[in-house]
Amino acid sequence: MNVQDFSAPNANYEINRFKDYWTDSEWLSEEESKEFAKWGYYSKPFEFNSKGRVLGINMQACNNMNWWLLDDRSDPGHQI
């Protein structure tokens, strides 16, 4: 997955494949999985510390080689 089109949520094939694997392995809850499927990022509580969180960031939103970002240079997927 070298580039990603952020024009519509839930449209990225690779992200949805990871979502299925991570949901089946119970890494992501159902709610976290739905958020991840939209744009490729998620947040979840850190199990060993009740005050911490794990942040999974989609770096394609900042990839200067992602030609899809030429169409819209704003915050794709409202990640930031």
PDB file of N, CA and C in Angstrom:
ATOM      1  N   MET A   1       0.856  -1.167   0.000  1.00  0.00           N
ATOM      2  CA  MET A   1       0.000   0.000   0.000  1.00  0.00           C
ATOM      3  C   MET A   1       0.903   1.231   0.000  1.00  0.00           C
ATOM      4  N   ASN A   2       1.293   1.691  -1.159  1.00  0.00           N
ATOM      5  CA  ASN A   2       2.160   2.857  -1.262  1.00  0.00           C
ATOM      6  C   ASN A   2       1.403   4.163  -1.358  1.00  0.00           C
ATOM      7  N   VAL A   3       0.164   4.124  -1.825  1.00  0.00           N
ATOM      8  CA  VAL A   3      -0.653   5.326  -1.927  1.00  0.00           C
ATOM      9  C   VAL A   3      -2.066   4.985  -1.465  1.00  0.00           C
ATOM     10  N   GLN A   4      -2.792   6.021  -1.055  1.00  0.00           N
ATOM     11  CA  GLN A   4      -4.162   5.798  -0.602  1.00  0.00           C
ATOM     12  C   GLN A   4      -5.032   6.959  -1.030  1.00  0.00           C
ATOM     13  N   ASP A   5      -6.182   6.643  -1.578  1.00  0.00           N
ATOM     14  CA  ASP A   5      -7.178   7.635  -1.955  1.00  0.00           C
ATOM     15  C   ASP A   5      -8.050   7.901  -0.726  1.00  0.00           C
ATOM     16  N   PHE A   6      -8.099   9.150  -0.287  1.00  0.00           N
ATOM     17  CA  PHE A   6      -8.887   9.520   0.894  1.00  0.00           C
ATOM     18  C   PHE A   6     -10.219  10.160   0.511  1.00  0.00           C
ATOM     19  N   SER A   7     -10.682   9.949  -0.705  1.00  0.00           N
ATOM     20  CA  SER A   7     -11.903  10.614  -1.152  1.00  0.00           C
ATOM     21  C   SER A   7     -13.174  10.022  -0.538  1.00  0.00           C
ATOM     22  N   ALA A   8     -13.127   8.766  -0.078  1.00  0.00           N
ATOM     23  CA  ALA A   8     -14.317   8.141   0.512  1.00  0.00           C
ATOM     24  C   ALA A   8     -13.903   7.177   1.625  1.00  0.00           C
ATOM     25  N   PRO A   9     -14.635   7.156   2.735  1.00  0.00           N
ATOM     26  CA  PRO A   9     -14.312   6.212   3.812  1.00  0.00           C
ATOM     27  C   PRO A   9     -14.615   4.771   3.402  1.00  0.00           C
ATOM     28  N   ASN A  10     -13.945   3.832   4.029  1.00  0.00           N
ATOM     29  CA  ASN A  10     -14.166   2.391   3.841  1.00  0.00           C
ATOM     30  C   ASN A  10     -13.863   1.899   2.434  1.00  0.00           C
ATOM     31  N   ALA A  11     -13.105   2.653   1.645  1.00  0.00           N
ATOM     32  CA  ALA A  11     -12.887   2.290   0.250  1.00  0.00           C
ATOM     33  C   ALA A  11     -11.543   1.624  -0.015  1.00  0.00           C
ATOM     34  N   ASN A  12     -10.653   1.563   0.956  1.00  0.00           N
ATOM     35  CA  ASN A  12      -9.317   1.044   0.720  1.00  0.00           C
ATOM     36  C   ASN A  12      -9.264  -0.460   0.959  1.00  0.00           C
ATOM     37  N   TYR A  13      -8.913  -1.215  -0.068  1.00  0.00           N
ATOM     38  CA  TYR A  13      -8.885  -2.674   0.005  1.00  0.00           C
ATOM     39  C   TYR A  13      -7.922  -3.179   1.068  1.00  0.00           C
ATOM     40  N   GLU A  14      -6.691  -2.665   1.090  1.00  0.00           N
ATOM     41  CA  GLU A  14      -5.683  -3.156   2.037  1.00  0.00           C
ATOM     42  C   GLU A  14      -6.088  -2.886   3.477  1.00  0.00           C
ATOM     43  N   ILE A  15      -6.615  -1.702   3.734  1.00  0.00           N
ATOM     44  CA  ILE A  15      -7.043  -1.370   5.094  1.00  0.00           C
ATOM     45  C   ILE A  15      -8.137  -2.329   5.547  1.00  0.00           C
ATOM     46  N   ASN A  16      -9.067  -2.628   4.688  1.00  0.00           N
ATOM     47  CA  ASN A  16     -10.149  -3.543   5.068  1.00  0.00           C
ATOM     48  C   ASN A  16      -9.653  -4.964   5.281  1.00  0.00           C
ATOM     49  N   ARG A  17      -8.613  -5.381   4.583  1.00  0.00           N
ATOM     50  CA  ARG A  17      -8.024  -6.704   4.824  1.00  0.00           C
ATOM     51  C   ARG A  17      -7.360  -6.744   6.205  1.00  0.00           C
ATOM     52  N   PHE A  18      -6.588  -5.707   6.538  1.00  0.00           N
ATOM     53  CA  PHE A  18      -5.991  -5.643   7.874  1.00  0.00           C
ATOM     54  C   PHE A  18      -7.067  -5.605   8.949  1.00  0.00           C
ATOM     55  N   LYS A  19      -8.121  -4.840   8.699  1.00  0.00           N
ATOM     56  CA  LYS A  19      -9.222  -4.739   9.657  1.00  0.00           C
ATOM     57  C   LYS A  19      -9.783  -6.123   9.969  1.00  0.00           C
ATOM     58  N   ASP A  20      -9.992  -6.919   8.943  1.00  0.00           N
ATOM     59  CA  ASP A  20     -10.530  -8.266   9.146  1.00  0.00           C
ATOM     60  C   ASP A  20      -9.588  -9.121   9.982  1.00  0.00           C
ATOM     61  N   TYR A  21      -8.295  -9.078   9.682  1.00  0.00           N
ATOM     62  CA  TYR A  21      -7.322  -9.870  10.445  1.00  0.00           C
ATOM     63  C   TYR A  21      -7.242  -9.409  11.898  1.00  0.00           C
ATOM     64  N   TRP A  22      -7.183  -8.104  12.098  1.00  0.00           N
ATOM     65  CA  TRP A  22      -7.020  -7.575  13.450  1.00  0.00           C
ATOM     66  C   TRP A  22      -8.284  -7.739  14.279  1.00  0.00           C
ATOM     67  N   THR A  23      -9.452  -7.745  13.643  1.00  0.00           N
ATOM     68  CA  THR A  23     -10.694  -7.985  14.370  1.00  0.00           C
ATOM     69  C   THR A  23     -10.798  -9.459  14.739  1.00  0.00           C
ATOM     70  N   ASP A  24     -10.453 -10.340  13.801  1.00  0.00           N
ATOM     71  CA  ASP A  24     -10.494 -11.779  14.080  1.00  0.00           C
ATOM     72  C   ASP A  24      -9.513 -12.172  15.180  1.00  0.00           C
ATOM     73  N   SER A  25      -8.365 -11.511  15.240  1.00  0.00           N
ATOM     74  CA  SER A  25      -7.366 -11.830  16.268  1.00  0.00           C
ATOM     75  C   SER A  25      -7.645 -11.088  17.575  1.00  0.00           C
ATOM     76  N   GLU A  26      -8.707 -10.308  17.599  1.00  0.00           N
ATOM     77  CA  GLU A  26      -9.154  -9.550  18.770  1.00  0.00           C
ATOM     78  C   GLU A  26      -8.193  -8.430  19.151  1.00  0.00           C
ATOM     79  N   TRP A  27      -7.352  -7.976  18.211  1.00  0.00           N
ATOM     80  CA  TRP A  27      -6.510  -6.806  18.468  1.00  0.00           C
ATOM     81  C   TRP A  27      -7.383  -5.555  18.523  1.00  0.00           C
ATOM     82  N   LEU A  28      -8.367  -5.478  17.612  1.00  0.00           N
ATOM     83  CA  LEU A  28      -9.285  -4.342  17.581  1.00  0.00           C
ATOM     84  C   LEU A  28     -10.677  -4.793  18.000  1.00  0.00           C
ATOM     85  N   SER A  29     -11.343  -3.974  18.797  1.00  0.00           N
ATOM     86  CA  SER A  29     -12.740  -4.239  19.133  1.00  0.00           C
ATOM     87  C   SER A  29     -13.603  -3.913  17.911  1.00  0.00           C
ATOM     88  N   GLU A  30     -14.863  -4.194  17.979  1.00  0.00           N
ATOM     89  CA  GLU A  30     -15.767  -3.909  16.859  1.00  0.00           C
ATOM     90  C   GLU A  30     -15.803  -2.410  16.559  1.00  0.00           C
ATOM     91  N   GLU A  31     -15.877  -1.577  17.587  1.00  0.00           N
ATOM     92  CA  GLU A  31     -15.913  -0.126  17.407  1.00  0.00           C
ATOM     93  C   GLU A  31     -14.587   0.393  16.825  1.00  0.00           C
ATOM     94  N   GLU A  32     -13.470  -0.086  17.353  1.00  0.00           N
ATOM     95  CA  GLU A  32     -12.149   0.314  16.844  1.00  0.00           C
ATOM     96  C   GLU A  32     -11.973  -0.132  15.397  1.00  0.00           C
ATOM     97  N   SER A  33     -12.488  -1.306  15.091  1.00  0.00           N
ATOM     98  CA  SER A  33     -12.398  -1.841  13.746  1.00  0.00           C
ATOM     99  C   SER A  33     -13.165  -0.981  12.742  1.00  0.00           C
ATOM    100  N   LYS A  34     -14.336  -0.506  13.138  1.00  0.00           N
ATOM    101  CA  LYS A  34     -15.128   0.358  12.256  1.00  0.00           C
ATOM    102  C   LYS A  34     -14.406   1.671  11.991  1.00  0.00           C
ATOM    103  N   GLU A  35     -13.772   2.240  13.031  1.00  0.00           N
ATOM    104  CA  GLU A  35     -13.020   3.486  12.851  1.00  0.00           C
ATOM    105  C   GLU A  35     -11.806   3.262  11.947  1.00  0.00           C
ATOM    106  N   PHE A  36     -11.093   2.169  12.155  1.00  0.00           N
ATOM    107  CA  PHE A  36      -9.928   1.845  11.336  1.00  0.00           C
ATOM    108  C   PHE A  36     -10.312   1.656   9.871  1.00  0.00           C
ATOM    109  N   ALA A  37     -11.435   1.007   9.612  1.00  0.00           N
ATOM    110  CA  ALA A  37     -11.867   0.728   8.234  1.00  0.00           C
ATOM    111  C   ALA A  37     -12.142   2.006   7.451  1.00  0.00           C
ATOM    112  N   LYS A  38     -12.560   3.068   8.112  1.00  0.00           N
ATOM    113  CA  LYS A  38     -12.877   4.313   7.404  1.00  0.00           C
ATOM    114  C   LYS A  38     -11.651   4.903   6.721  1.00  0.00           C
ATOM    115  N   TRP A  39     -10.574   5.138   7.495  1.00  0.00           N
ATOM    116  CA  TRP A  39      -9.427   5.871   6.966  1.00  0.00           C
ATOM    117  C   TRP A  39      -8.086   5.236   7.288  1.00  0.00           C
ATOM    118  N   GLY A  40      -8.039   4.185   8.096  1.00  0.00           N
ATOM    119  CA  GLY A  40      -6.773   3.524   8.365  1.00  0.00           C
ATOM    120  C   GLY A  40      -6.077   3.954   9.638  1.00  0.00           C
ATOM    121  N   TYR A  41      -6.772   4.566  10.559  1.00  0.00           N
ATOM    122  CA  TYR A  41      -6.191   4.899  11.858  1.00  0.00           C
ATOM    123  C   TYR A  41      -7.158   4.515  12.965  1.00  0.00           C
ATOM    124  N   TYR A  42      -6.652   4.383  14.188  1.00  0.00           N
ATOM    125  CA  TYR A  42      -7.493   4.002  15.318  1.00  0.00           C
ATOM    126  C   TYR A  42      -6.845   4.448  16.625  1.00  0.00           C
ATOM    127  N   SER A  43      -7.615   4.383  17.684  1.00  0.00           N
ATOM    128  CA  SER A  43      -7.141   4.651  19.033  1.00  0.00           C
ATOM    129  C   SER A  43      -7.802   3.638  19.955  1.00  0.00           C
ATOM    130  N   LYS A  44      -7.028   3.128  20.915  1.00  0.00           N
ATOM    131  CA  LYS A  44      -7.592   2.159  21.853  1.00  0.00           C
ATOM    132  C   LYS A  44      -6.895   2.299  23.196  1.00  0.00           C
ATOM    133  N   PRO A  45      -7.566   1.921  24.281  1.00  0.00           N
ATOM    134  CA  PRO A  45      -6.925   1.991  25.597  1.00  0.00           C
ATOM    135  C   PRO A  45      -5.722   1.059  25.671  1.00  0.00           C
ATOM    136  N   PHE A  46      -4.694   1.505  26.351  1.00  0.00           N
ATOM    137  CA  PHE A  46      -3.505   0.694  26.581  1.00  0.00           C
ATOM    138  C   PHE A  46      -3.808  -0.234  27.747  1.00  0.00           C
ATOM    139  N   GLU A  47      -3.756  -1.535  27.537  1.00  0.00           N
ATOM    140  CA  GLU A  47      -4.220  -2.507  28.522  1.00  0.00           C
ATOM    141  C   GLU A  47      -3.424  -2.520  29.819  1.00  0.00           C
ATOM    142  N   PHE A  48      -2.151  -2.111  29.785  1.00  0.00           N
ATOM    143  CA  PHE A  48      -1.308  -2.193  30.973  1.00  0.00           C
ATOM    144  C   PHE A  48      -1.322  -0.922  31.805  1.00  0.00           C
ATOM    145  N   ASN A  49      -1.963   0.119  31.315  1.00  0.00           N
ATOM    146  CA  ASN A  49      -2.003   1.389  32.017  1.00  0.00           C
ATOM    147  C   ASN A  49      -3.332   2.047  31.694  1.00  0.00           C
ATOM    148  N   SER A  50      -4.181   2.207  32.683  1.00  0.00           N
ATOM    149  CA  SER A  50      -5.532   2.706  32.433  1.00  0.00           C
ATOM    150  C   SER A  50      -5.554   4.139  31.905  1.00  0.00           C
ATOM    151  N   LYS A  51      -4.445   4.875  32.026  1.00  0.00           N
ATOM    152  CA  LYS A  51      -4.419   6.257  31.557  1.00  0.00           C
ATOM    153  C   LYS A  51      -3.820   6.403  30.165  1.00  0.00           C
ATOM    154  N   GLY A  52      -3.268   5.341  29.610  1.00  0.00           N
ATOM    155  CA  GLY A  52      -2.611   5.423  28.306  1.00  0.00           C
ATOM    156  C   GLY A  52      -3.498   4.958  27.170  1.00  0.00           C
ATOM    157  N   ARG A  53      -3.090   5.294  25.960  1.00  0.00           N
ATOM    158  CA  ARG A  53      -3.800   4.876  24.749  1.00  0.00           C
ATOM    159  C   ARG A  53      -2.789   4.477  23.685  1.00  0.00           C
ATOM    160  N   VAL A  54      -3.184   3.546  22.845  1.00  0.00           N
ATOM    161  CA  VAL A  54      -2.415   3.171  21.664  1.00  0.00           C
ATOM    162  C   VAL A  54      -3.017   3.950  20.503  1.00  0.00           C
ATOM    163  N   LEU A  55      -2.167   4.629  19.748  1.00  0.00           N
ATOM    164  CA  LEU A  55      -2.616   5.369  18.578  1.00  0.00           C
ATOM    165  C   LEU A  55      -2.024   4.718  17.338  1.00  0.00           C
ATOM    166  N   GLY A  56      -2.868   4.272  16.448  1.00  0.00           N
ATOM    167  CA  GLY A  56      -2.434   3.729  15.160  1.00  0.00           C
ATOM    168  C   GLY A  56      -2.667   4.797  14.111  1.00  0.00           C
ATOM    169  N   ILE A  57      -1.595   5.342  13.545  1.00  0.00           N
ATOM    170  CA  ILE A  57      -1.689   6.466  12.620  1.00  0.00           C
ATOM    171  C   ILE A  57      -1.463   5.992  11.187  1.00  0.00           C
ATOM    172  N   ASN A  58      -2.251   6.500  10.269  1.00  0.00           N
ATOM    173  CA  ASN A  58      -2.092   6.203   8.854  1.00  0.00           C
ATOM    174  C   ASN A  58      -1.142   7.235   8.255  1.00  0.00           C
ATOM    175  N   MET A  59       0.074   6.825   7.969  1.00  0.00           N
ATOM    176  CA  MET A  59       1.089   7.750   7.470  1.00  0.00           C
ATOM    177  C   MET A  59       0.904   8.100   5.987  1.00  0.00           C
ATOM    178  N   GLN A  60      -0.030   7.464   5.300  1.00  0.00           N
ATOM    179  CA  GLN A  60      -0.277   7.822   3.908  1.00  0.00           C
ATOM    180  C   GLN A  60      -0.831   9.240   3.792  1.00  0.00           C
ATOM    181  N   ALA A  61      -1.392   9.756   4.887  1.00  0.00           N
ATOM    182  CA  ALA A  61      -1.913  11.117   4.885  1.00  0.00           C
ATOM    183  C   ALA A  61      -0.789  12.145   4.789  1.00  0.00           C
ATOM    184  N   CYS A  62       0.449  11.751   5.074  1.00  0.00           N
ATOM    185  CA  CYS A  62       1.605  12.658   5.026  1.00  0.00           C
ATOM    186  C   CYS A  62       2.642  12.239   3.989  1.00  0.00           C
ATOM    187  N   ASN A  63       2.363  11.231   3.223  1.00  0.00           N
ATOM    188  CA  ASN A  63       3.308  10.716   2.239  1.00  0.00           C
ATOM    189  C   ASN A  63       3.365  11.651   1.038  1.00  0.00           C
ATOM    190  N   ASN A  64       4.508  12.316   0.843  1.00  0.00           N
ATOM    191  CA  ASN A  64       4.612  13.265  -0.269  1.00  0.00           C
ATOM    192  C   ASN A  64       4.648  12.567  -1.628  1.00  0.00           C
ATOM    193  N   MET A  65       4.749  11.249  -1.657  1.00  0.00           N
ATOM    194  CA  MET A  65       4.708  10.496  -2.910  1.00  0.00           C
ATOM    195  C   MET A  65       3.305   9.933  -3.199  1.00  0.00           C
ATOM    196  N   ASN A  66       2.340  10.213  -2.323  1.00  0.00           N
ATOM    197  CA  ASN A  66       0.961   9.760  -2.509  1.00  0.00           C
ATOM    198  C   ASN A  66       0.254  10.739  -3.451  1.00  0.00           C
ATOM    199  N   TRP A  67       0.153  10.378  -4.719  1.00  0.00           N
ATOM    200  CA  TRP A  67      -0.410  11.290  -5.716  1.00  0.00           C
ATOM    201  C   TRP A  67      -1.873  11.629  -5.459  1.00  0.00           C
ATOM    202  N   TRP A  68      -2.597  10.838  -4.707  1.00  0.00           N
ATOM    203  CA  TRP A  68      -3.993  11.136  -4.403  1.00  0.00           C
ATOM    204  C   TRP A  68      -4.122  12.419  -3.590  1.00  0.00           C
ATOM    205  N   LEU A  69      -3.103  12.770  -2.825  1.00  0.00           N
ATOM    206  CA  LEU A  69      -3.159  13.969  -1.999  1.00  0.00           C
ATOM    207  C   LEU A  69      -3.050  15.253  -2.815  1.00  0.00           C
ATOM    208  N   LEU A  70      -2.649  15.165  -4.071  1.00  0.00           N
ATOM    209  CA  LEU A  70      -2.574  16.358  -4.910  1.00  0.00           C
ATOM    210  C   LEU A  70      -3.955  16.958  -5.143  1.00  0.00           C
ATOM    211  N   ASP A  71      -4.990  16.126  -5.090  1.00  0.00           N
ATOM    212  CA  ASP A  71      -6.363  16.588  -5.284  1.00  0.00           C
ATOM    213  C   ASP A  71      -6.858  17.397  -4.082  1.00  0.00           C
ATOM    214  N   ASP A  72      -6.476  16.991  -2.877  1.00  0.00           N
ATOM    215  CA  ASP A  72      -6.951  17.656  -1.663  1.00  0.00           C
ATOM    216  C   ASP A  72      -5.818  17.654  -0.638  1.00  0.00           C
ATOM    217  N   ARG A  73      -5.225  18.794  -0.372  1.00  0.00           N
ATOM    218  CA  ARG A  73      -4.068  18.899   0.521  1.00  0.00           C
ATOM    219  C   ARG A  73      -4.470  19.130   1.976  1.00  0.00           C
ATOM    220  N   SER A  74      -5.737  19.057   2.306  1.00  0.00           N
ATOM    221  CA  SER A  74      -6.182  19.247   3.689  1.00  0.00           C
ATOM    222  C   SER A  74      -5.887  17.985   4.506  1.00  0.00           C
ATOM    223  N   ASP A  75      -6.478  17.874   5.657  1.00  0.00           N
ATOM    224  CA  ASP A  75      -6.282  16.728   6.538  1.00  0.00           C
ATOM    225  C   ASP A  75      -7.139  15.559   6.051  1.00  0.00           C
ATOM    226  N   PRO A  76      -6.593  14.665   5.213  1.00  0.00           N
ATOM    227  CA  PRO A  76      -7.415  13.577   4.681  1.00  0.00           C
ATOM    228  C   PRO A  76      -7.825  12.592   5.778  1.00  0.00           C
ATOM    229  N   GLY A  77      -9.091  12.268   5.794  1.00  0.00           N
ATOM    230  CA  GLY A  77      -9.611  11.340   6.789  1.00  0.00           C
ATOM    231  C   GLY A  77      -9.788  11.961   8.158  1.00  0.00           C
ATOM    232  N   HIS A  78      -9.535  13.245   8.299  1.00  0.00           N
ATOM    233  CA  HIS A  78      -9.721  13.969   9.572  1.00  0.00           C
ATOM    234  C   HIS A  78      -8.938  13.289  10.687  1.00  0.00           C
ATOM    235  N   GLN A  79      -7.740  12.863  10.378  1.00  0.00           N
ATOM    236  CA  GLN A  79      -6.897  12.138  11.321  1.00  0.00           C
ATOM    237  C   GLN A  79      -6.210  13.070  12.316  1.00  0.00           C
ATOM    238  N   ILE A  80      -5.778  14.214  11.839  1.00  0.00           N
ATOM    239  CA  ILE A  80      -5.023  15.125  12.683  1.00  0.00           C
ATOM    240  C   ILE A  80      -5.961  16.114  13.319  1.00  0.00           C
TER     241      ILE A  80
END
